[in-house]
N, C-alpha and C. Protein backbone atom coordinates (compact mmCIF):
# COMPACT_ATOMS: atom_id res chain seq x y z
N MET A 1 218.74 98.24 53.24
CA MET A 1 219.98 97.42 53.76
C MET A 1 220.77 97.38 54.60
N CYS A 2 219.98 95.90 55.13
CA CYS A 2 220.67 95.12 56.35
C CYS A 2 222.13 95.02 56.30
N LEU A 3 222.92 94.83 57.97
CA LEU A 3 224.12 94.66 57.89
C LEU A 3 223.78 93.64 59.21
N PHE A 4 224.47 92.80 59.80
CA PHE A 4 224.92 92.16 60.72
C PHE A 4 226.02 91.78 61.47
N LEU A 5 225.83 92.60 62.64
CA LEU A 5 227.10 92.87 63.51
C LEU A 5 227.11 92.57 64.32
N GLY A 6 228.76 91.72 65.08
CA GLY A 6 228.55 91.21 66.77
C GLY A 6 229.92 91.02 66.99
N ASP A 7 229.76 89.88 67.85
CA ASP A 7 230.90 89.46 68.70
C ASP A 7 232.37 88.53 67.72
N PHE A 8 231.45 88.13 66.63
CA PHE A 8 232.10 86.65 65.91
C PHE A 8 232.15 88.11 64.50
N ASN A 9 232.29 89.13 64.24
CA ASN A 9 232.97 89.93 63.27
C ASN A 9 233.94 91.42 64.37
N ASP A 10 233.75 91.53 65.37
CA ASP A 10 234.25 92.29 66.46
C ASP A 10 233.40 93.41 66.29
N TRP A 11 232.16 93.34 65.43
CA TRP A 11 231.48 94.55 65.56
C TRP A 11 231.98 95.05 64.69
N VAL A 12 232.50 94.96 63.72
CA VAL A 12 233.31 95.57 62.31
C VAL A 12 232.61 96.09 61.42
N TYR A 13 232.38 97.32 60.75
CA TYR A 13 231.35 97.54 59.76
C TYR A 13 231.99 97.05 59.15
N SER A 14 231.43 96.14 58.00
CA SER A 14 232.62 95.90 56.73
C SER A 14 231.22 94.28 55.37
N PRO A 15 231.64 94.75 54.68
CA PRO A 15 230.65 94.04 53.53
C PRO A 15 230.56 92.87 53.60
N GLU A 16 231.16 92.15 54.36
CA GLU A 16 230.56 90.59 54.50
C GLU A 16 229.85 90.56 55.75
N GLY A 17 229.81 91.22 56.30
CA GLY A 17 228.04 91.28 57.03
C GLY A 17 226.78 91.67 56.42
N TYR A 18 226.99 92.50 55.53
CA TYR A 18 225.41 92.63 54.87
C TYR A 18 224.93 91.10 54.94
N MET A 19 223.56 91.28 55.11
CA MET A 19 222.68 90.10 54.78
C MET A 19 222.08 89.99 53.37
N LYS A 20 221.99 88.83 52.77
CA LYS A 20 221.27 88.14 51.90
C LYS A 20 219.81 88.42 52.06
N LYS A 21 219.37 88.68 50.93
CA LYS A 21 217.50 89.33 50.91
C LYS A 21 217.38 87.93 49.32
N SER A 22 215.85 87.74 50.23
CA SER A 22 215.07 86.89 49.67
C SER A 22 214.47 87.54 48.35
N PRO A 23 214.09 86.21 47.24
CA PRO A 23 213.38 87.19 46.26
C PRO A 23 212.10 87.92 46.14
N ASP A 24 211.51 87.74 47.32
CA ASP A 24 210.22 88.28 47.46
C ASP A 24 210.54 89.88 48.67
N GLY A 25 211.48 89.85 48.79
CA GLY A 25 211.99 91.16 49.57
C GLY A 25 211.88 91.64 50.74
N ASN A 26 210.57 90.18 51.45
CA ASN A 26 210.76 89.73 52.84
C ASN A 26 211.86 89.19 54.47
N TRP A 27 212.59 88.41 53.94
CA TRP A 27 213.55 88.28 54.58
C TRP A 27 214.94 88.34 54.36
N TYR A 28 215.70 88.49 55.24
CA TYR A 28 217.14 88.87 55.39
C TYR A 28 217.86 87.89 56.34
N TRP A 29 219.11 87.34 55.37
CA TRP A 29 219.74 86.10 56.29
C TRP A 29 221.01 87.08 56.07
N LEU A 30 222.40 85.81 56.82
CA LEU A 30 223.91 86.07 56.93
C LEU A 30 224.18 84.68 57.32
N GLU A 31 224.88 83.83 56.45
CA GLU A 31 225.18 82.61 57.05
C GLU A 31 226.30 82.99 58.08
N VAL A 32 226.94 82.09 59.17
CA VAL A 32 227.89 83.26 60.03
C VAL A 32 228.56 81.63 60.25
N SER A 33 230.26 81.12 60.17
CA SER A 33 230.72 79.95 60.92
C SER A 33 231.29 80.46 61.53
N GLY A 34 232.20 79.06 62.40
CA GLY A 34 233.24 79.25 63.14
C GLY A 34 232.12 79.44 64.78
N LEU A 35 231.21 79.35 64.79
CA LEU A 35 230.49 79.57 66.30
C LEU A 35 230.82 78.75 67.26
N ALA A 36 231.46 78.41 68.64
CA ALA A 36 231.53 77.74 69.22
C ALA A 36 229.63 77.22 69.71
N PRO A 37 229.00 75.81 69.70
CA PRO A 37 228.01 75.57 70.47
C PRO A 37 227.99 76.09 72.23
N GLY A 38 227.24 76.75 72.70
CA GLY A 38 226.55 76.56 73.73
C GLY A 38 227.25 78.30 74.50
N THR A 39 227.83 78.53 73.60
CA THR A 39 228.70 80.33 73.49
C THR A 39 227.66 81.48 73.65
N GLU A 40 227.52 82.42 74.53
CA GLU A 40 226.67 83.08 74.05
C GLU A 40 227.02 84.11 73.15
N TYR A 41 226.72 84.97 72.08
CA TYR A 41 227.21 85.50 71.39
C TYR A 41 226.26 87.15 71.17
N GLY A 42 226.58 88.43 71.41
CA GLY A 42 226.16 89.26 70.73
C GLY A 42 226.03 90.00 69.55
N PHE A 43 224.91 90.81 69.64
CA PHE A 43 224.85 91.35 67.79
C PHE A 43 223.52 91.90 67.64
N GLN A 44 223.81 92.67 66.85
CA GLN A 44 222.89 93.93 65.94
C GLN A 44 222.86 94.07 64.82
N TYR A 45 221.73 94.33 64.45
CA TYR A 45 221.41 94.70 62.88
C TYR A 45 221.53 96.17 62.43
N MET A 46 222.14 96.08 61.57
CA MET A 46 222.44 97.81 60.90
C MET A 46 221.69 98.41 59.89
N ILE A 47 220.47 99.05 60.33
CA ILE A 47 219.49 99.35 58.85
C ILE A 47 220.16 100.90 58.35
N ASP A 48 220.30 100.57 56.73
CA ASP A 48 220.55 101.60 55.70
C ASP A 48 221.95 102.50 56.74
N GLU A 49 222.73 101.55 57.11
CA GLU A 49 223.86 102.11 57.81
C GLU A 49 223.71 102.65 58.69
N THR A 50 222.58 102.92 59.71
CA THR A 50 222.19 104.25 60.17
C THR A 50 221.82 103.61 61.59
N ILE A 51 220.42 102.80 61.38
CA ILE A 51 219.91 102.72 62.17
C ILE A 51 220.22 101.33 62.79
N ARG A 52 220.48 101.46 64.68
CA ARG A 52 220.93 100.18 64.85
C ARG A 52 219.98 99.01 66.36
N ILE A 53 219.76 98.08 65.67
CA ILE A 53 218.78 97.31 66.52
C ILE A 53 218.89 95.95 67.11
N PRO A 54 218.03 95.55 67.77
CA PRO A 54 218.63 94.34 68.17
C PRO A 54 217.22 93.86 67.02
N ASP A 55 216.83 92.24 67.65
CA ASP A 55 215.97 91.37 66.89
C ASP A 55 214.70 91.85 67.75
N PRO A 56 213.67 92.11 67.42
CA PRO A 56 212.04 92.24 67.85
C PRO A 56 211.83 90.87 69.18
N TYR A 57 212.29 89.60 67.97
CA TYR A 57 211.96 88.39 69.05
C TYR A 57 213.07 88.37 70.04
N ALA A 58 214.04 89.34 70.36
CA ALA A 58 215.36 88.40 70.78
C ALA A 58 214.96 87.81 72.25
N THR A 59 215.25 87.17 72.80
CA THR A 59 214.92 86.85 74.48
C THR A 59 215.86 87.41 75.39
N LYS A 60 217.10 87.98 74.98
CA LYS A 60 218.05 88.45 75.86
C LYS A 60 219.01 89.61 75.20
N ILE A 61 218.35 90.51 75.89
CA ILE A 61 219.12 92.18 75.54
C ILE A 61 220.56 92.35 76.30
N LEU A 62 221.40 92.87 75.59
CA LEU A 62 222.14 93.78 75.99
C LEU A 62 221.70 95.39 76.13
N ASP A 63 221.97 95.91 76.98
CA ASP A 63 221.67 97.05 77.71
C ASP A 63 222.07 98.79 77.68
N PRO A 64 223.48 98.97 77.18
CA PRO A 64 224.54 100.07 78.02
C PRO A 64 224.25 101.05 78.61
N TRP A 65 222.76 101.33 78.43
CA TRP A 65 222.14 102.40 79.19
C TRP A 65 222.08 102.06 80.71
N ASN A 66 221.05 100.01 81.20
CA ASN A 66 221.29 100.02 82.20
C ASN A 66 221.63 98.93 83.08
N ASP A 67 222.28 98.39 82.15
CA ASP A 67 222.55 97.01 82.51
C ASP A 67 223.81 97.13 82.97
N LYS A 68 224.46 98.19 83.29
CA LYS A 68 226.10 98.78 84.23
C LYS A 68 225.59 99.15 85.24
N TYR A 69 224.10 99.05 86.18
CA TYR A 69 223.30 99.33 87.59
C TYR A 69 223.19 97.84 87.98
N ILE A 70 223.32 96.22 87.43
CA ILE A 70 222.90 95.26 87.53
C ILE A 70 224.18 94.35 88.51
N ASP A 71 224.26 94.42 89.51
CA ASP A 71 225.13 93.61 90.29
C ASP A 71 225.52 92.37 90.33
N ALA A 72 226.78 92.22 90.51
CA ALA A 72 226.97 90.48 89.92
C ALA A 72 226.66 89.62 91.05
N ALA A 73 226.39 89.64 91.97
CA ALA A 73 224.96 89.07 92.70
C ALA A 73 223.58 88.89 91.97
N THR A 74 223.62 89.85 91.41
CA THR A 74 221.35 89.82 90.32
C THR A 74 222.34 88.67 89.23
N ASP A 75 222.78 89.00 88.54
CA ASP A 75 223.64 87.99 87.56
C ASP A 75 224.81 88.27 87.02
N PRO A 76 225.69 87.35 87.71
CA PRO A 76 226.98 86.73 87.60
C PRO A 76 227.03 86.62 86.18
N ASP A 77 226.67 85.88 84.96
CA ASP A 77 226.89 86.36 83.46
C ASP A 77 226.78 87.43 82.71
N LEU A 78 226.40 88.64 83.70
CA LEU A 78 226.10 89.46 82.74
C LEU A 78 227.47 89.78 81.57
N LYS A 79 226.47 89.99 80.35
CA LYS A 79 227.62 90.26 79.06
C LYS A 79 228.25 91.32 79.22
N THR A 80 229.77 92.12 78.87
CA THR A 80 229.49 93.23 78.19
C THR A 80 229.93 93.14 76.78
N ILE A 81 230.02 94.17 76.57
CA ILE A 81 230.86 94.46 75.02
C ILE A 81 231.76 95.36 75.47
N PRO A 82 233.35 95.21 74.91
CA PRO A 82 234.34 95.83 74.97
C PRO A 82 234.78 97.62 74.02
N GLY A 83 234.89 98.16 74.73
CA GLY A 83 234.17 99.42 73.68
C GLY A 83 233.33 99.89 73.64
N TRP A 84 232.33 99.37 74.10
CA TRP A 84 231.06 100.32 74.31
C TRP A 84 230.50 101.14 74.94
N THR A 85 231.83 102.21 75.71
CA THR A 85 230.82 103.21 76.89
C THR A 85 230.78 103.91 76.11
N GLY A 86 230.18 104.74 75.95
CA GLY A 86 229.52 105.91 76.15
C GLY A 86 228.46 105.79 74.72
N ARG A 87 228.30 104.47 73.87
CA ARG A 87 227.79 103.88 72.96
C ARG A 87 225.83 103.93 73.48
N ARG A 88 224.87 104.37 72.65
CA ARG A 88 223.86 104.38 72.89
C ARG A 88 223.01 103.21 71.85
N PHE A 89 223.13 102.08 71.57
CA PHE A 89 222.51 100.85 70.77
C PHE A 89 222.30 99.58 71.70
N LEU A 90 221.30 99.10 71.31
CA LEU A 90 220.79 97.67 72.19
C LEU A 90 221.47 97.20 71.30
N SER A 91 221.51 95.99 71.90
CA SER A 91 222.14 94.57 70.72
C SER A 91 221.27 93.28 71.61
N GLN A 92 221.94 92.36 71.16
CA GLN A 92 220.86 91.30 71.90
C GLN A 92 221.81 90.06 71.92
N TYR A 93 221.47 88.82 72.32
CA TYR A 93 222.79 87.88 72.56
C TYR A 93 221.53 86.39 71.98
N PHE A 94 222.59 85.82 71.61
CA PHE A 94 222.08 84.66 71.06
C PHE A 94 223.48 82.80 71.09
N ARG A 95 222.29 81.92 71.03
CA ARG A 95 223.17 80.90 71.31
C ARG A 95 223.49 79.57 70.14
N ILE A 96 224.49 78.83 70.10
CA ILE A 96 224.26 77.68 68.77
C ILE A 96 224.35 76.31 69.90
N ARG A 97 222.54 76.30 69.57
CA ARG A 97 222.35 74.88 70.19
C ARG A 97 222.74 75.06 71.84
N PRO A 98 221.78 76.34 72.79
CA PRO A 98 221.54 76.65 73.43
C PRO A 98 221.32 75.18 74.43
N PRO A 99 221.16 74.84 75.63
CA PRO A 99 220.88 73.86 76.31
C PRO A 99 219.09 73.78 76.31
N PRO A 100 218.74 72.54 75.94
CA PRO A 100 217.01 72.63 76.37
C PRO A 100 216.74 72.57 77.65
N TYR A 101 215.53 73.20 77.70
CA TYR A 101 215.04 73.56 79.17
C TYR A 101 214.43 71.99 79.45
N VAL A 102 214.57 71.32 81.08
CA VAL A 102 214.02 70.41 81.39
C VAL A 102 213.29 70.56 82.43
N TRP A 103 211.86 70.42 82.13
CA TRP A 103 210.72 70.43 82.92
C TRP A 103 211.50 69.63 84.23
N LYS A 104 211.13 70.16 85.46
CA LYS A 104 211.03 69.57 86.71
C LYS A 104 210.20 69.04 86.91
N ASN A 105 208.73 69.29 87.16
CA ASN A 105 207.75 69.10 88.23
C ASN A 105 206.55 68.56 86.50
N THR A 106 206.66 67.18 86.16
CA THR A 106 206.29 67.51 85.10
C THR A 106 204.32 66.81 85.62
N GLY A 107 204.49 66.65 87.26
CA GLY A 107 203.10 66.05 87.41
C GLY A 107 202.28 67.61 87.63
N PHE A 108 202.58 68.76 87.96
CA PHE A 108 202.08 69.55 89.01
C PHE A 108 200.59 69.52 88.00
N THR A 109 199.55 69.80 89.46
CA THR A 109 198.39 69.97 88.94
C THR A 109 197.44 71.58 89.13
N PRO A 110 197.40 72.07 88.49
CA PRO A 110 197.03 73.54 88.83
C PRO A 110 195.50 73.80 89.82
N SER A 111 195.22 74.48 90.62
CA SER A 111 194.22 74.74 91.57
C SER A 111 193.05 75.03 90.38
N ALA A 112 191.68 74.83 91.18
CA ALA A 112 190.84 74.66 90.33
C ALA A 112 190.35 76.28 90.10
N LYS A 113 189.94 77.03 89.10
CA LYS A 113 189.67 78.37 88.86
C LYS A 113 189.20 78.94 89.78
N ASP A 114 188.10 78.35 90.67
CA ASP A 114 187.24 78.75 91.65
C ASP A 114 187.91 78.82 92.66
N ASP A 115 189.01 78.07 92.78
CA ASP A 115 189.90 78.06 94.48
C ASP A 115 191.25 78.59 93.99
N LEU A 116 191.65 79.74 93.52
CA LEU A 116 192.56 80.33 92.81
C LEU A 116 192.65 81.09 94.01
N ILE A 117 193.80 81.80 95.59
CA ILE A 117 193.91 82.91 96.19
C ILE A 117 195.55 82.88 95.44
N ILE A 118 195.18 84.17 94.68
CA ILE A 118 196.23 84.48 92.69
C ILE A 118 197.03 86.06 94.40
N TYR A 119 198.28 85.84 94.05
CA TYR A 119 199.13 87.04 94.91
C TYR A 119 199.51 87.60 93.66
N GLU A 120 199.34 88.88 93.11
CA GLU A 120 200.39 89.50 92.06
C GLU A 120 201.23 90.55 93.00
N MET A 121 202.17 89.94 92.11
CA MET A 121 203.60 90.37 92.57
C MET A 121 204.46 91.18 91.27
N HIS A 122 205.41 92.28 92.11
CA HIS A 122 206.11 93.10 91.26
C HIS A 122 207.81 92.79 91.86
N VAL A 123 208.21 92.02 90.88
CA VAL A 123 209.44 91.84 91.68
C VAL A 123 210.44 92.31 92.26
N ARG A 124 210.61 93.57 91.30
CA ARG A 124 211.26 94.56 92.01
C ARG A 124 211.07 95.21 93.71
N ASP A 125 209.62 95.00 93.68
CA ASP A 125 209.32 95.74 95.21
C ASP A 125 208.71 94.45 96.12
N TYR A 126 209.09 94.23 95.68
CA TYR A 126 208.88 92.72 96.73
C TYR A 126 209.63 92.25 97.83
N VAL A 127 210.82 91.88 96.85
CA VAL A 127 212.38 91.82 97.64
C VAL A 127 212.94 92.60 97.93
N ALA A 128 214.48 92.86 98.26
CA ALA A 128 214.93 94.01 97.90
C ALA A 128 216.61 93.55 97.69
N ALA A 129 216.16 92.42 96.99
CA ALA A 129 217.32 92.28 96.17
C ALA A 129 216.70 92.00 94.68
N HIS A 130 215.30 92.67 94.35
CA HIS A 130 214.93 92.20 93.24
C HIS A 130 214.62 91.19 92.40
N ASP A 131 215.39 89.79 92.76
CA ASP A 131 215.46 88.93 92.08
C ASP A 131 214.32 87.77 92.12
N PHE A 132 214.63 86.93 91.24
CA PHE A 132 213.79 85.79 91.08
C PHE A 132 214.85 84.41 92.28
N LYS A 133 215.78 84.88 92.36
CA LYS A 133 216.18 83.87 93.11
C LYS A 133 215.40 83.74 94.93
N THR A 134 215.65 85.21 95.01
CA THR A 134 214.79 85.48 96.65
C THR A 134 213.91 85.31 96.68
N ILE A 135 212.83 85.80 95.48
CA ILE A 135 211.59 85.56 95.54
C ILE A 135 211.08 83.35 95.42
N ARG A 136 211.95 83.01 95.05
CA ARG A 136 211.88 81.48 95.52
C ARG A 136 212.34 81.19 96.40
N ASP A 137 212.72 81.94 97.11
CA ASP A 137 213.34 81.73 98.83
C ASP A 137 211.97 81.93 99.96
N THR A 138 211.52 82.62 99.12
CA THR A 138 210.34 83.02 100.05
C THR A 138 208.88 82.34 99.66
N LEU A 139 208.49 81.67 99.07
CA LEU A 139 207.64 80.86 98.60
C LEU A 139 206.82 79.95 99.47
N ASP A 140 207.79 79.58 100.41
CA ASP A 140 206.83 78.86 101.41
C ASP A 140 205.97 79.66 102.22
N TYR A 141 206.55 81.00 102.53
CA TYR A 141 205.99 82.12 102.99
C TYR A 141 204.66 82.27 102.56
N ILE A 142 205.07 82.43 101.28
CA ILE A 142 203.56 83.02 99.95
C ILE A 142 202.54 81.96 100.80
N LYS A 143 203.20 80.44 100.21
CA LYS A 143 202.34 79.03 100.82
C LYS A 143 201.78 79.28 101.82
N SER A 144 202.18 79.98 103.09
CA SER A 144 201.75 80.38 104.53
C SER A 144 200.27 80.72 104.43
N LEU A 145 200.42 81.68 103.94
CA LEU A 145 199.56 82.68 103.73
C LEU A 145 198.48 82.74 102.76
N GLY A 146 198.43 80.83 102.67
CA GLY A 146 196.63 80.58 102.33
C GLY A 146 196.88 80.59 100.32
N VAL A 147 197.90 81.55 99.50
CA VAL A 147 198.06 82.03 98.11
C VAL A 147 198.93 80.31 97.89
N ASN A 148 197.74 80.27 96.49
CA ASN A 148 198.29 78.93 96.12
C ASN A 148 198.98 79.27 93.97
N ALA A 149 198.48 80.36 93.92
CA ALA A 149 198.92 81.47 92.78
C ALA A 149 199.39 82.47 93.17
N ILE A 150 200.92 82.82 91.74
CA ILE A 150 201.42 84.07 92.05
C ILE A 150 201.31 84.45 90.36
N GLU A 151 200.83 86.19 90.28
CA GLU A 151 200.34 86.55 89.34
C GLU A 151 201.42 87.97 89.46
N LEU A 152 202.79 87.35 88.07
CA LEU A 152 204.07 88.15 88.09
C LEU A 152 203.63 89.38 87.15
N MET A 153 203.71 90.83 87.50
CA MET A 153 203.53 91.67 86.76
C MET A 153 204.84 91.91 85.73
N PRO A 154 204.77 92.63 84.74
CA PRO A 154 205.41 92.54 83.23
C PRO A 154 207.10 92.61 83.98
N VAL A 155 207.43 91.29 83.05
CA VAL A 155 209.08 90.90 83.63
C VAL A 155 209.50 91.09 82.29
N ASN A 156 209.37 91.25 81.38
CA ASN A 156 209.77 91.76 80.21
C ASN A 156 210.61 92.91 80.64
N GLU A 157 211.57 93.07 79.21
CA GLU A 157 213.14 93.93 78.69
C GLU A 157 212.13 95.20 79.03
N PHE A 158 212.40 96.24 79.32
CA PHE A 158 210.99 97.64 79.66
C PHE A 158 212.61 99.15 79.90
N GLU A 159 212.39 99.89 79.34
CA GLU A 159 213.46 100.86 79.41
C GLU A 159 213.55 101.23 80.72
N GLY A 160 214.67 101.20 81.33
CA GLY A 160 215.37 101.60 82.54
C GLY A 160 215.25 100.28 83.55
N ASN A 161 215.91 100.22 85.07
CA ASN A 161 215.82 99.39 85.90
C ASN A 161 215.17 99.49 86.81
N SER A 162 214.06 100.32 86.93
CA SER A 162 212.88 100.96 87.89
C SER A 162 211.64 100.97 87.43
N SER A 163 210.62 100.32 86.78
CA SER A 163 209.95 100.34 86.03
C SER A 163 208.54 99.67 86.78
N TRP A 164 207.24 99.62 86.15
CA TRP A 164 206.28 98.58 86.50
C TRP A 164 206.33 97.25 85.37
N GLY A 165 206.92 97.65 84.66
CA GLY A 165 206.80 97.00 83.25
C GLY A 165 206.08 97.46 82.33
N TYR A 166 205.33 98.52 82.49
CA TYR A 166 204.68 98.80 81.69
C TYR A 166 204.99 99.58 80.27
N ASN A 167 206.12 99.69 80.22
CA ASN A 167 206.74 100.16 79.12
C ASN A 167 207.93 98.89 78.64
N PRO A 168 207.63 97.99 77.76
CA PRO A 168 208.06 97.61 77.41
C PRO A 168 209.04 97.67 75.85
N SER A 169 210.18 97.21 76.09
CA SER A 169 210.82 97.25 74.66
C SER A 169 211.03 96.16 74.35
N MET A 170 211.28 95.40 74.92
CA MET A 170 211.16 93.92 74.39
C MET A 170 210.80 92.58 74.59
N TYR A 171 209.10 92.24 74.32
CA TYR A 171 207.82 91.21 74.57
C TYR A 171 209.06 90.12 75.28
N PHE A 172 209.90 89.40 74.84
CA PHE A 172 210.19 87.61 74.67
C PHE A 172 211.85 87.80 75.48
N ALA A 173 211.92 88.81 76.31
CA ALA A 173 213.77 88.92 76.66
C ALA A 173 213.06 89.60 78.11
N VAL A 174 213.07 88.69 78.81
CA VAL A 174 212.98 89.01 80.32
C VAL A 174 214.00 90.23 81.40
N ASP A 175 213.92 90.74 82.04
CA ASP A 175 214.82 91.80 82.05
C ASP A 175 215.51 91.56 83.02
N LYS A 176 217.06 91.33 82.85
CA LYS A 176 218.23 90.87 83.56
C LYS A 176 218.01 91.64 84.42
N TYR A 177 217.61 92.53 85.36
CA TYR A 177 217.50 93.15 86.48
C TYR A 177 217.07 92.28 87.62
N TYR A 178 216.06 91.67 87.24
CA TYR A 178 215.32 90.83 87.78
C TYR A 178 216.21 88.95 88.03
N GLY A 179 217.61 88.96 87.60
CA GLY A 179 218.28 88.36 87.14
C GLY A 179 218.02 87.52 86.18
N PRO A 180 218.77 86.33 86.06
CA PRO A 180 219.06 85.15 84.60
C PRO A 180 217.69 84.47 84.66
N PRO A 181 216.87 84.22 83.45
CA PRO A 181 215.49 83.52 83.62
C PRO A 181 215.45 82.36 84.69
N ALA A 182 216.63 81.77 83.82
CA ALA A 182 216.82 80.91 84.76
C ALA A 182 216.39 80.50 85.88
N THR A 183 216.94 81.60 86.99
CA THR A 183 217.00 81.63 88.15
C THR A 183 214.93 81.52 88.79
N MET A 184 214.50 81.71 88.34
CA MET A 184 212.57 81.44 88.12
C MET A 184 212.61 80.51 88.64
N THR A 185 213.29 79.06 87.74
CA THR A 185 212.81 77.68 88.19
C THR A 185 213.39 76.76 88.75
N GLU A 186 215.47 77.40 89.03
CA GLU A 186 216.18 76.96 90.07
C GLU A 186 215.46 76.16 91.04
N GLY A 187 215.41 75.04 90.74
CA GLY A 187 214.96 74.54 93.07
C GLY A 187 213.74 74.31 92.59
N ALA A 188 213.39 74.36 91.79
CA ALA A 188 211.37 74.42 92.07
C ALA A 188 210.58 73.43 92.05
N ASP A 189 209.91 72.93 93.05
CA ASP A 189 209.36 72.27 93.13
C ASP A 189 207.70 72.16 92.36
């Protein structure tokens, strides 16, 4: 059995949260109404009334162990779940009709493979602020070194906040320790 818990039902364990199962047993779903477009909601699955997990395909994770160490300067919109002090469960975020990403530089032409000068970068270690915004502010310096490509070491959600990222826990979620994913490209040319 799979139960759906989240902001939309105050994280309450109730029969209304049980997900429906497809006839072949491969899919679960639950219809939730009354959600505001653009609003971020937290949720998690409860499997067999004991195991609490986020969706493995989540793009944003709430981590009660490590998010408390992320300051507002890094992620000013960091979500918390009231009453979660001391609880040990990952959850995730979702939005109804999130704003679409708008590509800014549609005329970008990458350098030829033989001409690439690649700088491998670990976000946490490159700048003291350990965030995408500060790195973006140093791109002119990196370019002045002759670098024309940057390879970011893993930035997906991982266990802890201080890691090289090779211990991933969620492959599609950017770790919030580096700031919101949108700050990777804001103002980029």
